[in-house]
PDB file of all heavy atoms in Angstrom:
ATOM      1  N   SER A   1     285.166 165.012 113.026  1.00  0.00           N
ATOM      2  CA  SER A   1     283.837 165.252 113.636  1.00  0.00           C
ATOM      3  C   SER A   1     282.846 164.206 113.120  1.00  0.00           C
ATOM      4  O   SER A   1     282.877 163.802 111.984  1.00  0.00           O
ATOM      5  CB  SER A   1     283.346 166.628 113.243  1.00  0.00           C
ATOM      6  OG  SER A   1     281.957 166.813 113.577  1.00  0.00           O
ATOM      7  N   HIS A   2     281.907 163.822 114.000  1.00  0.00           N
ATOM      8  CA  HIS A   2     280.815 162.926 113.560  1.00  0.00           C
ATOM      9  C   HIS A   2     280.030 163.624 112.436  1.00  0.00           C
ATOM     10  O   HIS A   2     279.320 162.935 111.659  1.00  0.00           O
ATOM     11  CB  HIS A   2     279.891 162.617 114.719  1.00  0.00           C
ATOM     12  CG  HIS A   2     280.247 161.348 115.435  1.00  0.00           C
ATOM     13  ND1 HIS A   2     280.312 160.112 114.788  1.00  0.00           N
ATOM     14  CD2 HIS A   2     280.586 161.119 116.746  1.00  0.00           C
ATOM     15  CE1 HIS A   2     280.621 159.180 115.656  1.00  0.00           C
ATOM     16  NE2 HIS A   2     280.850 159.712 116.849  1.00  0.00           N
ATOM     17  N   ALA A   3     280.058 164.929 112.391  1.00  0.00           N
ATOM     18  CA  ALA A   3     279.308 165.641 111.370  1.00  0.00           C
ATOM     19  C   ALA A   3     279.803 165.302 109.965  1.00  0.00           C
ATOM     20  O   ALA A   3     279.027 165.451 109.006  1.00  0.00           O
ATOM     21  CB  ALA A   3     279.402 167.179 111.617  1.00  0.00           C
ATOM     22  N   SER A   4     281.007 164.812 109.862  1.00  0.00           N
ATOM     23  CA  SER A   4     281.499 164.444 108.521  1.00  0.00           C
ATOM     24  C   SER A   4     280.855 163.153 108.055  1.00  0.00           C
ATOM     25  O   SER A   4     280.836 162.902 106.840  1.00  0.00           O
ATOM     26  CB  SER A   4     282.998 164.203 108.594  1.00  0.00           C
ATOM     27  OG  SER A   4     283.320 162.999 109.303  1.00  0.00           O
ATOM     28  N   GLY A   5     280.313 162.341 108.957  1.00  0.00           N
ATOM     29  CA  GLY A   5     279.677 161.081 108.612  1.00  0.00           C
ATOM     30  C   GLY A   5     280.683 159.939 108.517  1.00  0.00           C
ATOM     31  O   GLY A   5     280.282 158.751 108.565  1.00  0.00           O
ATOM     32  N   ILE A   6     281.963 160.214 108.430  1.00  0.00           N
ATOM     33  CA  ILE A   6     282.947 159.165 108.207  1.00  0.00           C
ATOM     34  C   ILE A   6     283.177 158.317 109.450  1.00  0.00           C
ATOM     35  O   ILE A   6     283.300 157.099 109.356  1.00  0.00           O
ATOM     36  CB  ILE A   6     284.247 159.735 107.647  1.00  0.00           C
ATOM     37  CG1 ILE A   6     283.963 160.322 106.247  1.00  0.00           C
ATOM     38  CG2 ILE A   6     285.327 158.649 107.519  1.00  0.00           C
ATOM     39  CD1 ILE A   6     285.172 160.961 105.587  1.00  0.00           C
ATOM     40  N   PRO A   7     283.320 158.907 110.648  1.00  0.00           N
ATOM     41  CA  PRO A   7     283.504 158.072 111.832  1.00  0.00           C
ATOM     42  C   PRO A   7     282.447 157.000 112.009  1.00  0.00           C
ATOM     43  O   PRO A   7     282.742 155.862 112.372  1.00  0.00           O
ATOM     44  CB  PRO A   7     283.466 159.073 113.037  1.00  0.00           C
ATOM     45  CG  PRO A   7     283.979 160.351 112.390  1.00  0.00           C
ATOM     46  CD  PRO A   7     283.370 160.352 111.040  1.00  0.00           C
ATOM     47  N   LYS A   8     281.188 157.320 111.709  1.00  0.00           N
ATOM     48  CA  LYS A   8     280.100 156.355 111.850  1.00  0.00           C
ATOM     49  C   LYS A   8     280.292 155.195 110.829  1.00  0.00           C
ATOM     50  O   LYS A   8     280.024 154.028 111.127  1.00  0.00           O
ATOM     51  CB  LYS A   8     278.759 157.023 111.694  1.00  0.00           C
ATOM     52  CG  LYS A   8     278.364 157.866 112.879  1.00  0.00           C
ATOM     53  CD  LYS A   8     277.083 158.661 112.631  1.00  0.00           C
ATOM     54  CE  LYS A   8     277.349 159.870 111.823  1.00  0.00           C
ATOM     55  NZ  LYS A   8     276.224 160.829 111.787  1.00  0.00           N
ATOM     56  N   ILE A   9     280.661 155.601 109.621  1.00  0.00           N
ATOM     57  CA  ILE A   9     280.889 154.562 108.577  1.00  0.00           C
ATOM     58  C   ILE A   9     282.009 153.611 109.047  1.00  0.00           C
ATOM     59  O   ILE A   9     281.893 152.366 108.924  1.00  0.00           O
ATOM     60  CB  ILE A   9     281.266 155.210 107.231  1.00  0.00           C
ATOM     61  CG1 ILE A   9     280.065 156.043 106.718  1.00  0.00           C
ATOM     62  CG2 ILE A   9     281.677 154.155 106.209  1.00  0.00           C
ATOM     63  CD1 ILE A   9     280.420 156.893 105.480  1.00  0.00           C
ATOM     64  N   TYR A  10     283.088 154.211 109.513  1.00  0.00           N
ATOM     65  CA  TYR A  10     284.251 153.385 109.951  1.00  0.00           C
ATOM     66  C   TYR A  10     283.861 152.496 111.116  1.00  0.00           C
ATOM     67  O   TYR A  10     284.177 151.266 111.124  1.00  0.00           O
ATOM     68  CB  TYR A  10     285.402 154.302 110.332  1.00  0.00           C
ATOM     69  CG  TYR A  10     286.627 153.530 110.806  1.00  0.00           C
ATOM     70  CD1 TYR A  10     287.548 153.047 109.876  1.00  0.00           C
ATOM     71  CD2 TYR A  10     286.875 153.309 112.142  1.00  0.00           C
ATOM     72  CE1 TYR A  10     288.654 152.312 110.296  1.00  0.00           C
ATOM     73  CE2 TYR A  10     287.966 152.573 112.589  1.00  0.00           C
ATOM     74  CZ  TYR A  10     288.867 152.101 111.640  1.00  0.00           C
ATOM     75  OH  TYR A  10     289.954 151.360 112.045  1.00  0.00           O
ATOM     76  N   ALA A  11     283.183 153.047 112.116  1.00  0.00           N
ATOM     77  CA  ALA A  11     282.871 152.287 113.329  1.00  0.00           C
ATOM     78  C   ALA A  11     281.970 151.111 113.025  1.00  0.00           C
ATOM     79  O   ALA A  11     282.070 150.043 113.654  1.00  0.00           O
ATOM     80  CB  ALA A  11     282.192 153.188 114.356  1.00  0.00           C
ATOM     81  N   ASN A  12     281.115 151.230 112.037  1.00  0.00           N
ATOM     82  CA  ASN A  12     280.168 150.152 111.718  1.00  0.00           C
ATOM     83  C   ASN A  12     280.832 149.060 110.879  1.00  0.00           C
ATOM     84  O   ASN A  12     280.412 147.920 110.964  1.00  0.00           O
ATOM     85  CB  ASN A  12     278.942 150.697 111.015  1.00  0.00           C
ATOM     86  CG  ASN A  12     277.945 151.328 111.986  1.00  0.00           C
ATOM     87  OD1 ASN A  12     277.969 151.065 113.181  1.00  0.00           O
ATOM     88  ND2 ASN A  12     277.050 152.146 111.497  1.00  0.00           N
ATOM     89  N   ILE A  13     281.799 149.385 110.045  1.00  0.00           N
ATOM     90  CA  ILE A  13     282.403 148.397 109.184  1.00  0.00           C
ATOM     91  C   ILE A  13     283.641 147.728 109.820  1.00  0.00           C
ATOM     92  O   ILE A  13     284.019 146.603 109.494  1.00  0.00           O
ATOM     93  CB  ILE A  13     282.759 148.947 107.782  1.00  0.00           C
ATOM     94  CG1 ILE A  13     283.041 147.808 106.777  1.00  0.00           C
ATOM     95  CG2 ILE A  13     283.944 149.917 107.855  1.00  0.00           C
ATOM     96  CD1 ILE A  13     281.910 146.867 106.541  1.00  0.00           C
ATOM     97  N   VAL A  14     284.337 148.417 110.706  1.00  0.00           N
ATOM     98  CA  VAL A  14     285.588 147.878 111.247  1.00  0.00           C
ATOM     99  C   VAL A  14     285.363 146.585 112.032  1.00  0.00           C
ATOM    100  O   VAL A  14     286.225 145.709 112.083  1.00  0.00           O
ATOM    101  CB  VAL A  14     286.335 148.924 112.102  1.00  0.00           C
ATOM    102  CG1 VAL A  14     285.647 149.167 113.449  1.00  0.00           C
ATOM    103  CG2 VAL A  14     287.781 148.549 112.316  1.00  0.00           C
ATOM    104  N   GLY A  15     284.157 146.454 112.614  1.00  0.00           N
ATOM    105  CA  GLY A  15     283.849 145.209 113.321  1.00  0.00           C
ATOM    106  C   GLY A  15     283.901 143.985 112.414  1.00  0.00           C
ATOM    107  O   GLY A  15     284.139 142.865 112.887  1.00  0.00           O
ATOM    108  N   ALA A  16     283.666 144.221 111.126  1.00  0.00           N
ATOM    109  CA  ALA A  16     283.636 143.123 110.180  1.00  0.00           C
ATOM    110  C   ALA A  16     284.999 142.498 110.017  1.00  0.00           C
ATOM    111  O   ALA A  16     285.150 141.389 109.436  1.00  0.00           O
ATOM    112  CB  ALA A  16     283.107 143.597 108.818  1.00  0.00           C
ATOM    113  N   CYS A  17     286.087 143.153 110.492  1.00  0.00           N
ATOM    114  CA  CYS A  17     287.411 142.555 110.446  1.00  0.00           C
ATOM    115  C   CYS A  17     287.552 141.441 111.431  1.00  0.00           C
ATOM    116  O   CYS A  17     288.460 140.653 111.317  1.00  0.00           O
ATOM    117  CB  CYS A  17     288.484 143.612 110.695  1.00  0.00           C
ATOM    118  SG  CYS A  17     288.629 144.882 109.417  1.00  0.00           S
ATOM    119  N   THR A  18     286.633 141.352 112.415  1.00  0.00           N
ATOM    120  CA  THR A  18     286.710 140.307 113.404  1.00  0.00           C
ATOM    121  C   THR A  18     285.474 139.445 113.452  1.00  0.00           C
ATOM    122  O   THR A  18     285.561 138.230 113.654  1.00  0.00           O
ATOM    123  CB  THR A  18     286.999 140.908 114.843  1.00  0.00           C
ATOM    124  OG1 THR A  18     286.108 141.997 115.028  1.00  0.00           O
ATOM    125  CG2 THR A  18     288.392 141.371 114.932  1.00  0.00           C
ATOM    126  N   TYR A  19     284.266 140.021 113.291  1.00  0.00           N
ATOM    127  CA  TYR A  19     283.083 139.168 113.375  1.00  0.00           C
ATOM    128  C   TYR A  19     282.961 138.318 112.104  1.00  0.00           C
ATOM    129  O   TYR A  19     283.429 138.665 111.064  1.00  0.00           O
ATOM    130  CB  TYR A  19     281.808 139.896 113.716  1.00  0.00           C
ATOM    131  CG  TYR A  19     281.273 140.909 112.678  1.00  0.00           C
ATOM    132  CD1 TYR A  19     280.787 140.512 111.430  1.00  0.00           C
ATOM    133  CD2 TYR A  19     281.216 142.286 112.999  1.00  0.00           C
ATOM    134  CE1 TYR A  19     280.260 141.435 110.544  1.00  0.00           C
ATOM    135  CE2 TYR A  19     280.680 143.191 112.116  1.00  0.00           C
ATOM    136  CZ  TYR A  19     280.208 142.768 110.914  1.00  0.00           C
ATOM    137  OH  TYR A  19     279.688 143.675 110.002  1.00  0.00           O
ATOM    138  N   GLU A  20     282.253 137.216 112.271  1.00  0.00           N
ATOM    139  CA  GLU A  20     282.123 136.167 111.219  1.00  0.00           C
ATOM    140  C   GLU A  20     283.475 135.672 110.723  1.00  0.00           C
ATOM    141  O   GLU A  20     283.647 135.352 109.540  1.00  0.00           O
ATOM    142  CB  GLU A  20     281.272 136.739 110.047  1.00  0.00           C
ATOM    143  CG  GLU A  20     279.881 137.033 110.403  1.00  0.00           C
ATOM    144  CD  GLU A  20     279.141 135.892 111.143  1.00  0.00           C
ATOM    145  OE1 GLU A  20     279.365 134.749 110.726  1.00  0.00           O
ATOM    146  OE2 GLU A  20     278.411 136.143 112.071  1.00  0.00           O
ATOM    147  N   GLY A  21     284.454 135.644 111.604  1.00  0.00           N
ATOM    148  CA  GLY A  21     285.750 135.116 111.264  1.00  0.00           C
ATOM    149  C   GLY A  21     286.809 136.206 111.322  1.00  0.00           C
ATOM    150  O   GLY A  21     286.763 137.136 110.519  1.00  0.00           O
ATOM    151  N   GLU A  22     287.744 136.114 112.291  1.00  0.00           N
ATOM    152  CA  GLU A  22     288.812 137.089 112.370  1.00  0.00           C
ATOM    153  C   GLU A  22     289.682 137.001 111.116  1.00  0.00           C
ATOM    154  O   GLU A  22     289.940 135.933 110.568  1.00  0.00           O
ATOM    155  CB  GLU A  22     289.692 136.776 113.598  1.00  0.00           C
ATOM    156  CG  GLU A  22     290.687 137.845 113.973  1.00  0.00           C
ATOM    157  CD  GLU A  22     291.954 137.745 113.181  1.00  0.00           C
ATOM    158  OE1 GLU A  22     292.339 136.638 112.781  1.00  0.00           O
ATOM    159  OE2 GLU A  22     292.601 138.801 112.947  1.00  0.00           O
ATOM    160  N   ASN A  23     290.076 138.178 110.578  1.00  0.00           N
ATOM    161  CA  ASN A  23     290.579 138.244 109.211  1.00  0.00           C
ATOM    162  C   ASN A  23     291.862 137.443 108.969  1.00  0.00           C
ATOM    163  O   ASN A  23     292.016 136.813 107.935  1.00  0.00           O
ATOM    164  CB  ASN A  23     290.837 139.688 108.806  1.00  0.00           C
ATOM    165  CG  ASN A  23     289.591 140.372 108.344  1.00  0.00           C
ATOM    166  OD1 ASN A  23     288.522 139.748 108.252  1.00  0.00           O
ATOM    167  ND2 ASN A  23     289.674 141.627 107.959  1.00  0.00           N
ATOM    168  N   THR A  24     292.799 137.421 109.935  1.00  0.00           N
ATOM    169  CA  THR A  24     294.013 136.621 109.750  1.00  0.00           C
ATOM    170  C   THR A  24     293.660 135.129 109.624  1.00  0.00           C
ATOM    171  O   THR A  24     294.178 134.441 108.752  1.00  0.00           O
ATOM    172  CB  THR A  24     295.006 136.860 110.896  1.00  0.00           C
ATOM    173  OG1 THR A  24     295.364 138.222 110.933  1.00  0.00           O
ATOM    174  CG2 THR A  24     296.242 135.991 110.719  1.00  0.00           C
ATOM    175  N   VAL A  25     292.770 134.694 110.460  1.00  0.00           N
ATOM    176  CA  VAL A  25     292.302 133.295 110.421  1.00  0.00           C
ATOM    177  C   VAL A  25     291.602 133.037 109.098  1.00  0.00           C
ATOM    178  O   VAL A  25     291.824 131.945 108.466  1.00  0.00           O
ATOM    179  CB  VAL A  25     291.380 132.956 111.586  1.00  0.00           C
ATOM    180  CG1 VAL A  25     290.903 131.509 111.503  1.00  0.00           C
ATOM    181  CG2 VAL A  25     292.130 133.180 112.895  1.00  0.00           C
ATOM    182  N   MET A  26     290.809 133.979 108.611  1.00  0.00           N
ATOM    183  CA  MET A  26     290.139 133.795 107.350  1.00  0.00           C
ATOM    184  C   MET A  26     291.152 133.697 106.205  1.00  0.00           C
ATOM    185  O   MET A  26     291.002 132.860 105.293  1.00  0.00           O
ATOM    186  CB  MET A  26     289.171 134.992 107.077  1.00  0.00           C
ATOM    187  CG  MET A  26     287.981 135.027 107.989  1.00  0.00           C
ATOM    188  SD  MET A  26     286.842 133.628 107.807  1.00  0.00           S
ATOM    189  CE  MET A  26     287.431 132.539 109.078  1.00  0.00           C
ATOM    190  N   MET A  27     292.155 134.540 106.229  1.00  0.00           N
ATOM    191  CA  MET A  27     293.231 134.489 105.224  1.00  0.00           C
ATOM    192  C   MET A  27     293.897 133.111 105.228  1.00  0.00           C
ATOM    193  O   MET A  27     294.235 132.554 104.154  1.00  0.00           O
ATOM    194  CB  MET A  27     294.259 135.622 105.420  1.00  0.00           C
ATOM    195  CG  MET A  27     293.816 136.936 104.926  1.00  0.00           C
ATOM    196  SD  MET A  27     293.833 136.987 103.136  1.00  0.00           S
ATOM    197  CE  MET A  27     293.474 138.699 102.772  1.00  0.00           C
ATOM    198  N   LEU A  28     294.129 132.580 106.410  1.00  0.00           N
ATOM    199  CA  LEU A  28     294.807 131.282 106.505  1.00  0.00           C
ATOM    200  C   LEU A  28     293.913 130.167 106.014  1.00  0.00           C
ATOM    201  O   LEU A  28     294.410 129.117 105.514  1.00  0.00           O
ATOM    202  CB  LEU A  28     295.282 131.042 107.925  1.00  0.00           C
ATOM    203  CG  LEU A  28     296.471 131.924 108.364  1.00  0.00           C
ATOM    204  CD1 LEU A  28     296.785 131.727 109.842  1.00  0.00           C
ATOM    205  CD2 LEU A  28     297.702 131.681 107.545  1.00  0.00           C
ATOM    206  N   GLN A  29     292.602 130.335 106.165  1.00  0.00           N
ATOM    207  CA  GLN A  29     291.685 129.339 105.589  1.00  0.00           C
ATOM    208  C   GLN A  29     291.831 129.308 104.071  1.00  0.00           C
ATOM    209  O   GLN A  29     291.910 128.207 103.445  1.00  0.00           O
ATOM    210  CB  GLN A  29     290.231 129.681 105.925  1.00  0.00           C
ATOM    211  CG  GLN A  29     289.873 129.506 107.372  1.00  0.00           C
ATOM    212  CD  GLN A  29     289.687 128.106 107.804  1.00  0.00           C
ATOM    213  OE1 GLN A  29     289.167 127.283 107.033  1.00  0.00           O
ATOM    214  NE2 GLN A  29     290.066 127.769 109.000  1.00  0.00           N
ATOM    215  N   THR A  30     291.922 130.477 103.458  1.00  0.00           N
ATOM    216  CA  THR A  30     292.115 130.505 102.004  1.00  0.00           C
ATOM    217  C   THR A  30     293.511 130.014 101.655  1.00  0.00           C
ATOM    218  O   THR A  30     293.686 129.341 100.629  1.00  0.00           O
ATOM    219  CB  THR A  30     291.952 131.989 101.487  1.00  0.00           C
ATOM    220  OG1 THR A  30     290.622 132.467 101.924  1.00  0.00           O
ATOM    221  CG2 THR A  30     292.053 132.058 100.007  1.00  0.00           C
ATOM    222  N   ALA A  31     294.505 130.304 102.490  1.00  0.00           N
ATOM    223  CA  ALA A  31     295.859 129.854 102.231  1.00  0.00           C
ATOM    224  C   ALA A  31     295.944 128.328 102.193  1.00  0.00           C
ATOM    225  O   ALA A  31     296.666 127.756 101.395  1.00  0.00           O
ATOM    226  CB  ALA A  31     296.807 130.401 103.296  1.00  0.00           C
ATOM    227  N   ARG A  32     295.210 127.665 103.105  1.00  0.00           N
ATOM    228  CA  ARG A  32     295.191 126.202 103.095  1.00  0.00           C
ATOM    229  C   ARG A  32     294.702 125.662 101.752  1.00  0.00           C
ATOM    230  O   ARG A  32     295.201 124.681 101.196  1.00  0.00           O
ATOM    231  CB  ARG A  32     294.379 125.694 104.262  1.00  0.00           C
ATOM    232  CG  ARG A  32     295.032 125.857 105.605  1.00  0.00           C
ATOM    233  CD  ARG A  32     294.199 125.177 106.701  1.00  0.00           C
ATOM    234  NE  ARG A  32     294.805 125.365 108.021  1.00  0.00           N
ATOM    235  CZ  ARG A  32     295.790 124.642 108.532  1.00  0.00           C
ATOM    236  NH1 ARG A  32     296.324 123.684 107.839  1.00  0.00           N
ATOM    237  NH2 ARG A  32     296.253 124.931 109.768  1.00  0.00           N
ATOM    238  N   TYR A  33     293.641 126.324 101.250  1.00  0.00           N
ATOM    239  CA  TYR A  33     293.095 125.927  99.973  1.00  0.00           C
ATOM    240  C   TYR A  33     294.096 126.156  98.841  1.00  0.00           C
ATOM    241  O   TYR A  33     294.275 125.283  97.964  1.00  0.00           O
ATOM    242  CB  TYR A  33     291.817 126.707  99.720  1.00  0.00           C
ATOM    243  CG  TYR A  33     291.179 126.480  98.328  1.00  0.00           C
ATOM    244  CD1 TYR A  33     290.529 125.300  98.072  1.00  0.00           C
ATOM    245  CD2 TYR A  33     291.283 127.447  97.316  1.00  0.00           C
ATOM    246  CE1 TYR A  33     289.984 125.049  96.816  1.00  0.00           C
ATOM    247  CE2 TYR A  33     290.742 127.238  96.072  1.00  0.00           C
ATOM    248  CZ  TYR A  33     290.066 126.033  95.802  1.00  0.00           C
ATOM    249  OH  TYR A  33     289.520 125.814  94.563  1.00  0.00           O
ATOM    250  N   LEU A  34     294.783 127.281  98.867  1.00  0.00           N
ATOM    251  CA  LEU A  34     295.811 127.572  97.842  1.00  0.00           C
ATOM    252  C   LEU A  34     296.934 126.543  97.914  1.00  0.00           C
ATOM    253  O   LEU A  34     297.477 126.113  96.910  1.00  0.00           O
ATOM    254  CB  LEU A  34     296.328 128.996  98.011  1.00  0.00           C
ATOM    255  CG  LEU A  34     295.338 130.108  97.690  1.00  0.00           C
ATOM    256  CD1 LEU A  34     295.955 131.462  98.055  1.00  0.00           C
ATOM    257  CD2 LEU A  34     294.854 130.067  96.251  1.00  0.00           C
ATOM    258  N   SER A  35     297.340 126.202  99.180  1.00  0.00           N
ATOM    259  CA  SER A  35     298.399 125.237  99.346  1.00  0.00           C
ATOM    260  C   SER A  35     298.014 123.878  98.738  1.00  0.00           C
ATOM    261  O   SER A  35     298.772 123.290  97.962  1.00  0.00           O
ATOM    262  CB  SER A  35     298.705 125.069 100.843  1.00  0.00           C
ATOM    263  OG  SER A  35     299.655 124.034 101.053  1.00  0.00           O
ATOM    264  N   LYS A  36     296.848 123.402  99.079  1.00  0.00           N
ATOM    265  CA  LYS A  36     296.402 122.123  98.558  1.00  0.00           C
ATOM    266  C   LYS A  36     296.269 122.156  97.014  1.00  0.00           C
ATOM    267  O   LYS A  36     296.667 121.228  96.311  1.00  0.00           O
ATOM    268  CB  LYS A  36     295.024 121.723  99.141  1.00  0.00           C
ATOM    269  CG  LYS A  36     295.108 121.422 100.620  1.00  0.00           C
ATOM    270  CD  LYS A  36     293.710 121.137 101.188  1.00  0.00           C
ATOM    271  CE  LYS A  36     293.772 120.879 102.681  1.00  0.00           C
ATOM    272  NZ  LYS A  36     292.441 120.696 103.283  1.00  0.00           N
ATOM    273  N   SER A  37     295.779 123.290  96.524  1.00  0.00           N
ATOM    274  CA  SER A  37     295.629 123.433  95.079  1.00  0.00           C
ATOM    275  C   SER A  37     296.976 123.490  94.374  1.00  0.00           C
ATOM    276  O   SER A  37     297.108 122.916  93.247  1.00  0.00           O
ATOM    277  CB  SER A  37     294.800 124.680  94.769  1.00  0.00           C
ATOM    278  OG  SER A  37     293.540 124.619  95.340  1.00  0.00           O
ATOM    279  N   TYR A  38     297.945 124.171  94.963  1.00  0.00           N
ATOM    280  CA  TYR A  38     299.270 124.268  94.338  1.00  0.00           C
ATOM    281  C   TYR A  38     299.862 122.864  94.172  1.00  0.00           C
ATOM    282  O   TYR A  38     300.367 122.498  93.097  1.00  0.00           O
ATOM    283  CB  TYR A  38     300.195 125.081  95.219  1.00  0.00           C
ATOM    284  CG  TYR A  38     301.640 125.043  94.782  1.00  0.00           C
ATOM    285  CD1 TYR A  38     302.060 125.824  93.719  1.00  0.00           C
ATOM    286  CD2 TYR A  38     302.509 124.223  95.447  1.00  0.00           C
ATOM    287  CE1 TYR A  38     303.416 125.755  93.313  1.00  0.00           C
ATOM    288  CE2 TYR A  38     303.868 124.137  95.033  1.00  0.00           C
ATOM    289  CZ  TYR A  38     304.286 124.954  93.950  1.00  0.00           C
ATOM    290  OH  TYR A  38     305.630 124.853  93.546  1.00  0.00           O
ATOM    291  N   PHE A  39     299.805 122.043  95.239  1.00  0.00           N
ATOM    292  CA  PHE A  39     300.371 120.724  95.168  1.00  0.00           C
ATOM    293  C   PHE A  39     299.580 119.826  94.211  1.00  0.00           C
ATOM    294  O   PHE A  39     300.165 118.980  93.511  1.00  0.00           O
ATOM    295  CB  PHE A  39     300.452 120.092  96.538  1.00  0.00           C
ATOM    296  CG  PHE A  39     301.512 120.698  97.402  1.00  0.00           C
ATOM    297  CD1 PHE A  39     301.182 121.373  98.592  1.00  0.00           C
ATOM    298  CD2 PHE A  39     302.901 120.649  97.023  1.00  0.00           C
ATOM    299  CE1 PHE A  39     302.171 121.977  99.358  1.00  0.00           C
ATOM    300  CE2 PHE A  39     303.837 121.264  97.848  1.00  0.00           C
ATOM    301  CZ  PHE A  39     303.516 121.910  98.987  1.00  0.00           C
ATOM    302  N   ARG A  40     298.284 120.047  94.101  1.00  0.00           N
ATOM    303  CA  ARG A  40     297.495 119.338  93.068  1.00  0.00           C
ATOM    304  C   ARG A  40     297.949 119.707  91.679  1.00  0.00           C
ATOM    305  O   ARG A  40     298.106 118.817  90.823  1.00  0.00           O
ATOM    306  CB  ARG A  40     296.004 119.661  93.236  1.00  0.00           C
ATOM    307  CG  ARG A  40     295.318 118.968  94.378  1.00  0.00           C
ATOM    308  CD  ARG A  40     293.871 119.430  94.507  1.00  0.00           C
ATOM    309  NE  ARG A  40     293.168 119.295  93.256  1.00  0.00           N
ATOM    310  CZ  ARG A  40     292.095 119.999  92.912  1.00  0.00           C
ATOM    311  NH1 ARG A  40     291.584 120.905  93.748  1.00  0.00           N
ATOM    312  NH2 ARG A  40     291.488 119.787  91.747  1.00  0.00           N
ATOM    313  N   GLY A  41     298.179 120.972  91.471  1.00  0.00           N
ATOM    314  CA  GLY A  41     298.637 121.470  90.192  1.00  0.00           C
ATOM    315  C   GLY A  41     300.000 120.892  89.823  1.00  0.00           C
ATOM    316  O   GLY A  41     300.280 120.540  88.655  1.00  0.00           O
TER     317      GLY A  41
END
């Protein structure tokens, strides 16, 4: 139920998995940095 308050919390934060950078793409951005750093090390 919306009365629990939890659906509204979920609905507002779940969009952050895609806006300002879709999460898989964001992870791969970090992965590129880790890859370059590994070879530097």
